[in-house]
């Protein structure tokens, strides 16, 4: 995780790096699988599906564990 910068405040799409639901469950990312909207603000990364928050973490964790693209 060296040299990983936390995500800046903004709107993103996040895709799980895991390719199966079983792998996502094992990683603790099942609520995000296969992808979700992501909003980073005030030191939190919040994941949404259908407009409902389904999971959250810190912006550095999100940057490391998901494929994140600016929305």
PDB file of N, CA and C in Angstrom:
ATOM      1  N   UNK A   1       0.816  -1.192   0.000  1.00  0.00           N
ATOM      2  CA  UNK A   1       0.000   0.000   0.000  1.00  0.00           C
ATOM      3  C   UNK A   1       0.857   1.252   0.000  1.00  0.00           C
ATOM      4  N   UNK A   2       2.107   1.102  -0.103  1.00  0.00           N
ATOM      5  CA  UNK A   2       2.990   2.256  -0.130  1.00  0.00           C
ATOM      6  C   UNK A   2       2.696   3.084  -1.371  1.00  0.00           C
ATOM      7  N   UNK A   3       2.716   4.396  -1.221  1.00  0.00           N
ATOM      8  CA  UNK A   3       2.477   5.335  -2.309  1.00  0.00           C
ATOM      9  C   UNK A   3       1.036   5.370  -2.794  1.00  0.00           C
ATOM     10  N   UNK A   4       0.109   4.807  -2.049  1.00  0.00           N
ATOM     11  CA  UNK A   4      -1.304   4.867  -2.419  1.00  0.00           C
ATOM     12  C   UNK A   4      -1.894   6.130  -1.815  1.00  0.00           C
ATOM     13  N   UNK A   5      -2.523   6.922  -2.656  1.00  0.00           N
ATOM     14  CA  UNK A   5      -3.144   8.157  -2.185  1.00  0.00           C
ATOM     15  C   UNK A   5      -4.637   7.916  -1.998  1.00  0.00           C
ATOM     16  N   UNK A   6      -5.210   8.460  -0.935  1.00  0.00           N
ATOM     17  CA  UNK A   6      -6.653   8.325  -0.755  1.00  0.00           C
ATOM     18  C   UNK A   6      -7.389   9.034  -1.884  1.00  0.00           C
ATOM     19  N   UNK A   7      -8.566   8.568  -2.183  1.00  0.00           N
ATOM     20  CA  UNK A   7      -9.394   9.211  -3.202  1.00  0.00           C
ATOM     21  C   UNK A   7      -9.792  10.594  -2.717  1.00  0.00           C
ATOM     22  N   UNK A   8      -9.832  11.531  -3.633  1.00  0.00           N
ATOM     23  CA  UNK A   8     -10.291  12.882  -3.314  1.00  0.00           C
ATOM     24  C   UNK A   8     -11.811  12.910  -3.315  1.00  0.00           C
ATOM     25  N   UNK A   9     -12.374  13.894  -2.638  1.00  0.00           N
ATOM     26  CA  UNK A   9     -13.825  14.053  -2.635  1.00  0.00           C
ATOM     27  C   UNK A   9     -14.337  14.104  -4.071  1.00  0.00           C
ATOM     28  N   UNK A  10     -15.416  13.389  -4.322  1.00  0.00           N
ATOM     29  CA  UNK A  10     -15.995  13.381  -5.650  1.00  0.00           C
ATOM     30  C   UNK A  10     -16.872  12.167  -5.877  1.00  0.00           C
ATOM     31  N   UNK A  11     -17.383  12.067  -7.102  1.00  0.00           N
ATOM     32  CA  UNK A  11     -18.248  10.960  -7.500  1.00  0.00           C
ATOM     33  C   UNK A  11     -17.473  10.030  -8.414  1.00  0.00           C
ATOM     34  N   UNK A  12     -17.621   8.727  -8.158  1.00  0.00           N
ATOM     35  CA  UNK A  12     -16.895   7.700  -8.884  1.00  0.00           C
ATOM     36  C   UNK A  12     -17.797   6.501  -9.165  1.00  0.00           C
ATOM     37  N   UNK A  13     -17.306   5.608  -9.987  1.00  0.00           N
ATOM     38  CA  UNK A  13     -17.866   4.265 -10.080  1.00  0.00           C
ATOM     39  C   UNK A  13     -16.783   3.334  -9.553  1.00  0.00           C
ATOM     40  N   UNK A  14     -17.200   2.336  -8.816  1.00  0.00           N
ATOM     41  CA  UNK A  14     -16.263   1.388  -8.222  1.00  0.00           C
ATOM     42  C   UNK A  14     -16.621  -0.019  -8.678  1.00  0.00           C
ATOM     43  N   UNK A  15     -15.624  -0.749  -9.109  1.00  0.00           N
ATOM     44  CA  UNK A  15     -15.802  -2.131  -9.542  1.00  0.00           C
ATOM     45  C   UNK A  15     -14.957  -3.013  -8.646  1.00  0.00           C
ATOM     46  N   UNK A  16     -15.546  -4.100  -8.170  1.00  0.00           N
ATOM     47  CA  UNK A  16     -14.791  -5.052  -7.352  1.00  0.00           C
ATOM     48  C   UNK A  16     -13.660  -5.658  -8.171  1.00  0.00           C
ATOM     49  N   UNK A  17     -12.523  -5.841  -7.543  1.00  0.00           N
ATOM     50  CA  UNK A  17     -11.415  -6.525  -8.208  1.00  0.00           C
ATOM     51  C   UNK A  17     -11.665  -8.032  -8.248  1.00  0.00           C
ATOM     52  N   UNK A  18     -12.541  -8.528  -7.381  1.00  0.00           N
ATOM     53  CA  UNK A  18     -12.890  -9.939  -7.383  1.00  0.00           C
ATOM     54  C   UNK A  18     -13.790 -10.229  -8.583  1.00  0.00           C
ATOM     55  N   UNK A  19     -13.588 -11.381  -9.190  1.00  0.00           N
ATOM     56  CA  UNK A  19     -14.340 -11.710 -10.404  1.00  0.00           C
ATOM     57  C   UNK A  19     -15.558 -12.590 -10.150  1.00  0.00           C
ATOM     58  N   UNK A  20     -15.724 -13.098  -8.935  1.00  0.00           N
ATOM     59  CA  UNK A  20     -16.896 -13.920  -8.617  1.00  0.00           C
ATOM     60  C   UNK A  20     -17.516 -13.416  -7.315  1.00  0.00           C
ATOM     61  N   UNK A  21     -18.778 -13.716  -7.145  1.00  0.00           N
ATOM     62  CA  UNK A  21     -19.453 -13.306  -5.914  1.00  0.00           C
ATOM     63  C   UNK A  21     -18.833 -14.001  -4.713  1.00  0.00           C
ATOM     64  N   UNK A  22     -18.395 -15.252  -4.867  1.00  0.00           N
ATOM     65  CA  UNK A  22     -17.769 -15.956  -3.746  1.00  0.00           C
ATOM     66  C   UNK A  22     -16.483 -15.269  -3.304  1.00  0.00           C
ATOM     67  N   UNK A  23     -15.691 -14.834  -4.250  1.00  0.00           N
ATOM     68  CA  UNK A  23     -14.457 -14.114  -3.914  1.00  0.00           C
ATOM     69  C   UNK A  23     -14.790 -12.775  -3.252  1.00  0.00           C
ATOM     70  N   UNK A  24     -15.839 -12.107  -3.729  1.00  0.00           N
ATOM     71  CA  UNK A  24     -16.253 -10.832  -3.140  1.00  0.00           C
ATOM     72  C   UNK A  24     -16.749 -11.032  -1.709  1.00  0.00           C
ATOM     73  N   UNK A  25     -17.486 -12.099  -1.466  1.00  0.00           N
ATOM     74  CA  UNK A  25     -17.947 -12.408  -0.114  1.00  0.00           C
ATOM     75  C   UNK A  25     -16.745 -12.641   0.796  1.00  0.00           C
ATOM     76  N   UNK A  26     -15.779 -13.419   0.330  1.00  0.00           N
ATOM     77  CA  UNK A  26     -14.589 -13.715   1.129  1.00  0.00           C
ATOM     78  C   UNK A  26     -13.805 -12.440   1.456  1.00  0.00           C
ATOM     79  N   UNK A  27     -13.808 -11.478   0.541  1.00  0.00           N
ATOM     80  CA  UNK A  27     -13.089 -10.219   0.750  1.00  0.00           C
ATOM     81  C   UNK A  27     -13.909  -9.207   1.549  1.00  0.00           C
ATOM     82  N   UNK A  28     -15.190  -9.498   1.773  1.00  0.00           N
ATOM     83  CA  UNK A  28     -16.057  -8.569   2.490  1.00  0.00           C
ATOM     84  C   UNK A  28     -16.657  -7.493   1.609  1.00  0.00           C
ATOM     85  N   UNK A  29     -16.642  -7.720   0.289  1.00  0.00           N
ATOM     86  CA  UNK A  29     -17.119  -6.716  -0.664  1.00  0.00           C
ATOM     87  C   UNK A  29     -18.409  -7.124  -1.376  1.00  0.00           C
ATOM     88  N   UNK A  30     -19.151  -8.054  -0.820  1.00  0.00           N
ATOM     89  CA  UNK A  30     -20.330  -8.585  -1.507  1.00  0.00           C
ATOM     90  C   UNK A  30     -21.396  -7.524  -1.777  1.00  0.00           C
ATOM     91  N   UNK A  31     -21.507  -6.531  -0.909  1.00  0.00           N
ATOM     92  CA  UNK A  31     -22.533  -5.500  -1.116  1.00  0.00           C
ATOM     93  C   UNK A  31     -22.211  -4.602  -2.305  1.00  0.00           C
ATOM     94  N   UNK A  32     -20.949  -4.528  -2.660  1.00  0.00           N
ATOM     95  CA  UNK A  32     -20.515  -3.687  -3.775  1.00  0.00           C
ATOM     96  C   UNK A  32     -20.499  -4.469  -5.084  1.00  0.00           C
ATOM     97  N   UNK A  33     -20.357  -5.799  -5.038  1.00  0.00           N
ATOM     98  CA  UNK A  33     -20.203  -6.636  -6.230  1.00  0.00           C
ATOM     99  C   UNK A  33     -21.387  -6.512  -7.177  1.00  0.00           C
ATOM    100  N   UNK A  34     -21.178  -6.466  -8.478  1.00  0.00           N
ATOM    101  CA  UNK A  34     -19.898  -6.346  -9.165  1.00  0.00           C
ATOM    102  C   UNK A  34     -19.412  -4.899  -9.232  1.00  0.00           C
ATOM    103  N   UNK A  35     -20.367  -3.943  -9.133  1.00  0.00           N
ATOM    104  CA  UNK A  35     -19.954  -2.535  -9.127  1.00  0.00           C
ATOM    105  C   UNK A  35     -21.023  -1.687  -8.452  1.00  0.00           C
ATOM    106  N   UNK A  36     -20.617  -0.479  -8.079  1.00  0.00           N
ATOM    107  CA  UNK A  36     -21.533   0.433  -7.393  1.00  0.00           C
ATOM    108  C   UNK A  36     -21.080   1.868  -7.639  1.00  0.00           C
ATOM    109  N   UNK A  37     -21.991   2.792  -7.384  1.00  0.00           N
ATOM    110  CA  UNK A  37     -21.638   4.206  -7.396  1.00  0.00           C
ATOM    111  C   UNK A  37     -20.876   4.485  -6.109  1.00  0.00           C
ATOM    112  N   UNK A  38     -19.964   5.424  -6.161  1.00  0.00           N
ATOM    113  CA  UNK A  38     -19.124   5.737  -5.012  1.00  0.00           C
ATOM    114  C   UNK A  38     -19.041   7.251  -4.851  1.00  0.00           C
ATOM    115  N   UNK A  39     -19.319   7.706  -3.653  1.00  0.00           N
ATOM    116  CA  UNK A  39     -19.171   9.129  -3.341  1.00  0.00           C
ATOM    117  C   UNK A  39     -18.197   9.251  -2.177  1.00  0.00           C
ATOM    118  N   UNK A  40     -17.164  10.042  -2.387  1.00  0.00           N
ATOM    119  CA  UNK A  40     -16.167  10.294  -1.343  1.00  0.00           C
ATOM    120  C   UNK A  40     -16.377  11.718  -0.835  1.00  0.00           C
ATOM    121  N   UNK A  41     -16.563  11.836   0.470  1.00  0.00           N
ATOM    122  CA  UNK A  41     -16.692  13.160   1.093  1.00  0.00           C
ATOM    123  C   UNK A  41     -16.430  13.043   2.588  1.00  0.00           C
ATOM    124  N   UNK A  42     -15.868  14.102   3.134  1.00  0.00           N
ATOM    125  CA  UNK A  42     -15.629  14.196   4.579  1.00  0.00           C
ATOM    126  C   UNK A  42     -14.903  12.982   5.160  1.00  0.00           C
ATOM    127  N   UNK A  43     -13.947  12.451   4.427  1.00  0.00           N
ATOM    128  CA  UNK A  43     -13.146  11.340   4.934  1.00  0.00           C
ATOM    129  C   UNK A  43     -13.780   9.968   4.845  1.00  0.00           C
ATOM    130  N   UNK A  44     -14.883   9.839   4.122  1.00  0.00           N
ATOM    131  CA  UNK A  44     -15.560   8.553   3.958  1.00  0.00           C
ATOM    132  C   UNK A  44     -15.795   8.267   2.490  1.00  0.00           C
ATOM    133  N   UNK A  45     -15.714   6.994   2.142  1.00  0.00           N
ATOM    134  CA  UNK A  45     -16.074   6.507   0.814  1.00  0.00           C
ATOM    135  C   UNK A  45     -17.355   5.695   0.998  1.00  0.00           C
ATOM    136  N   UNK A  46     -18.434   6.170   0.410  1.00  0.00           N
ATOM    137  CA  UNK A  46     -19.742   5.514   0.566  1.00  0.00           C
ATOM    138  C   UNK A  46     -20.184   4.950  -0.776  1.00  0.00           C
ATOM    139  N   UNK A  47     -20.572   3.680  -0.761  1.00  0.00           N
ATOM    140  CA  UNK A  47     -20.974   2.963  -1.964  1.00  0.00           C
ATOM    141  C   UNK A  47     -22.493   2.883  -2.018  1.00  0.00           C
ATOM    142  N   UNK A  48     -23.049   3.105  -3.221  1.00  0.00           N
ATOM    143  CA  UNK A  48     -24.503   3.142  -3.403  1.00  0.00           C
ATOM    144  C   UNK A  48     -24.940   2.235  -4.544  1.00  0.00           C
ATOM    145  N   UNK A  49     -26.089   1.604  -4.337  1.00  0.00           N
ATOM    146  CA  UNK A  49     -26.770   0.855  -5.402  1.00  0.00           C
ATOM    147  C   UNK A  49     -28.231   1.270  -5.353  1.00  0.00           C
ATOM    148  N   UNK A  50     -28.759   1.664  -6.496  1.00  0.00           N
ATOM    149  CA  UNK A  50     -30.145   2.097  -6.543  1.00  0.00           C
ATOM    150  C   UNK A  50     -30.428   3.284  -5.638  1.00  0.00           C
ATOM    151  N   UNK A  51     -29.435   4.131  -5.416  1.00  0.00           N
ATOM    152  CA  UNK A  51     -29.604   5.309  -4.580  1.00  0.00           C
ATOM    153  C   UNK A  51     -29.524   5.047  -3.092  1.00  0.00           C
ATOM    154  N   UNK A  52     -29.315   3.786  -2.694  1.00  0.00           N
ATOM    155  CA  UNK A  52     -29.254   3.420  -1.282  1.00  0.00           C
ATOM    156  C   UNK A  52     -27.814   3.070  -0.902  1.00  0.00           C
ATOM    157  N   UNK A  53     -27.343   3.618   0.219  1.00  0.00           N
ATOM    158  CA  UNK A  53     -25.992   3.296   0.686  1.00  0.00           C
ATOM    159  C   UNK A  53     -25.933   1.832   1.104  1.00  0.00           C
ATOM    160  N   UNK A  54     -24.935   1.107   0.563  1.00  0.00           N
ATOM    161  CA  UNK A  54     -24.812  -0.321   0.856  1.00  0.00           C
ATOM    162  C   UNK A  54     -23.541  -0.683   1.618  1.00  0.00           C
ATOM    163  N   UNK A  55     -22.552   0.234   1.611  1.00  0.00           N
ATOM    164  CA  UNK A  55     -21.293  -0.082   2.274  1.00  0.00           C
ATOM    165  C   UNK A  55     -20.470   1.184   2.366  1.00  0.00           C
ATOM    166  N   UNK A  56     -19.521   1.238   3.309  1.00  0.00           N
ATOM    167  CA  UNK A  56     -18.625   2.387   3.394  1.00  0.00           C
ATOM    168  C   UNK A  56     -17.269   1.951   3.936  1.00  0.00           C
ATOM    169  N   UNK A  57     -16.281   2.767   3.662  1.00  0.00           N
ATOM    170  CA  UNK A  57     -14.922   2.529   4.137  1.00  0.00           C
ATOM    171  C   UNK A  57     -14.167   3.844   4.031  1.00  0.00           C
ATOM    172  N   UNK A  58     -12.878   3.824   4.319  1.00  0.00           N
ATOM    173  CA  UNK A  58     -12.119   5.057   4.161  1.00  0.00           C
ATOM    174  C   UNK A  58     -11.612   5.168   2.721  1.00  0.00           C
ATOM    175  N   UNK A  59     -11.296   6.358   2.268  1.00  0.00           N
ATOM    176  CA  UNK A  59     -10.907   6.576   0.869  1.00  0.00           C
ATOM    177  C   UNK A  59      -9.621   5.866   0.442  1.00  0.00           C
ATOM    178  N   UNK A  60      -8.719   5.604   1.358  1.00  0.00           N
ATOM    179  CA  UNK A  60      -7.502   4.875   1.003  1.00  0.00           C
ATOM    180  C   UNK A  60      -7.822   3.408   0.750  1.00  0.00           C
ATOM    181  N   UNK A  61      -8.643   2.808   1.604  1.00  0.00           N
ATOM    182  CA  UNK A  61      -9.062   1.419   1.412  1.00  0.00           C
ATOM    183  C   UNK A  61      -9.758   1.273   0.061  1.00  0.00           C
ATOM    184  N   UNK A  62     -10.635   2.202  -0.263  1.00  0.00           N
ATOM    185  CA  UNK A  62     -11.345   2.147  -1.545  1.00  0.00           C
ATOM    186  C   UNK A  62     -10.371   2.216  -2.717  1.00  0.00           C
ATOM    187  N   UNK A  63      -9.367   3.070  -2.616  1.00  0.00           N
ATOM    188  CA  UNK A  63      -8.390   3.228  -3.702  1.00  0.00           C
ATOM    189  C   UNK A  63      -7.585   1.946  -3.920  1.00  0.00           C
ATOM    190  N   UNK A  64      -7.330   1.222  -2.847  1.00  0.00           N
ATOM    191  CA  UNK A  64      -6.516   0.001  -2.943  1.00  0.00           C
ATOM    192  C   UNK A  64      -7.332  -1.196  -3.399  1.00  0.00           C
ATOM    193  N   UNK A  65      -8.554  -1.340  -2.912  1.00  0.00           N
ATOM    194  CA  UNK A  65      -9.302  -2.583  -3.071  1.00  0.00           C
ATOM    195  C   UNK A  65     -10.347  -2.596  -4.180  1.00  0.00           C
ATOM    196  N   UNK A  66     -10.548  -1.468  -4.854  1.00  0.00           N
ATOM    197  CA  UNK A  66     -11.526  -1.405  -5.944  1.00  0.00           C
ATOM    198  C   UNK A  66     -10.928  -0.720  -7.151  1.00  0.00           C
ATOM    199  N   UNK A  67     -11.444  -1.054  -8.321  1.00  0.00           N
ATOM    200  CA  UNK A  67     -11.111  -0.319  -9.533  1.00  0.00           C
ATOM    201  C   UNK A  67     -12.037   0.895  -9.558  1.00  0.00           C
ATOM    202  N   UNK A  68     -11.483   2.069  -9.424  1.00  0.00           N
ATOM    203  CA  UNK A  68     -12.277   3.279  -9.258  1.00  0.00           C
ATOM    204  C   UNK A  68     -12.040   4.208 -10.444  1.00  0.00           C
ATOM    205  N   UNK A  69     -13.151   4.718 -10.992  1.00  0.00           N
ATOM    206  CA  UNK A  69     -13.087   5.648 -12.113  1.00  0.00           C
ATOM    207  C   UNK A  69     -13.987   6.833 -11.826  1.00  0.00           C
ATOM    208  N   UNK A  70     -13.534   8.019 -12.168  1.00  0.00           N
ATOM    209  CA  UNK A  70     -14.332   9.226 -11.953  1.00  0.00           C
ATOM    210  C   UNK A  70     -15.626   9.117 -12.752  1.00  0.00           C
ATOM    211  N   UNK A  71     -16.721   9.508 -12.117  1.00  0.00           N
ATOM    212  CA  UNK A  71     -18.037   9.433 -12.776  1.00  0.00           C
ATOM    213  C   UNK A  71     -18.269  10.667 -13.633  1.00  0.00           C
TER     214      UNK A  71
END
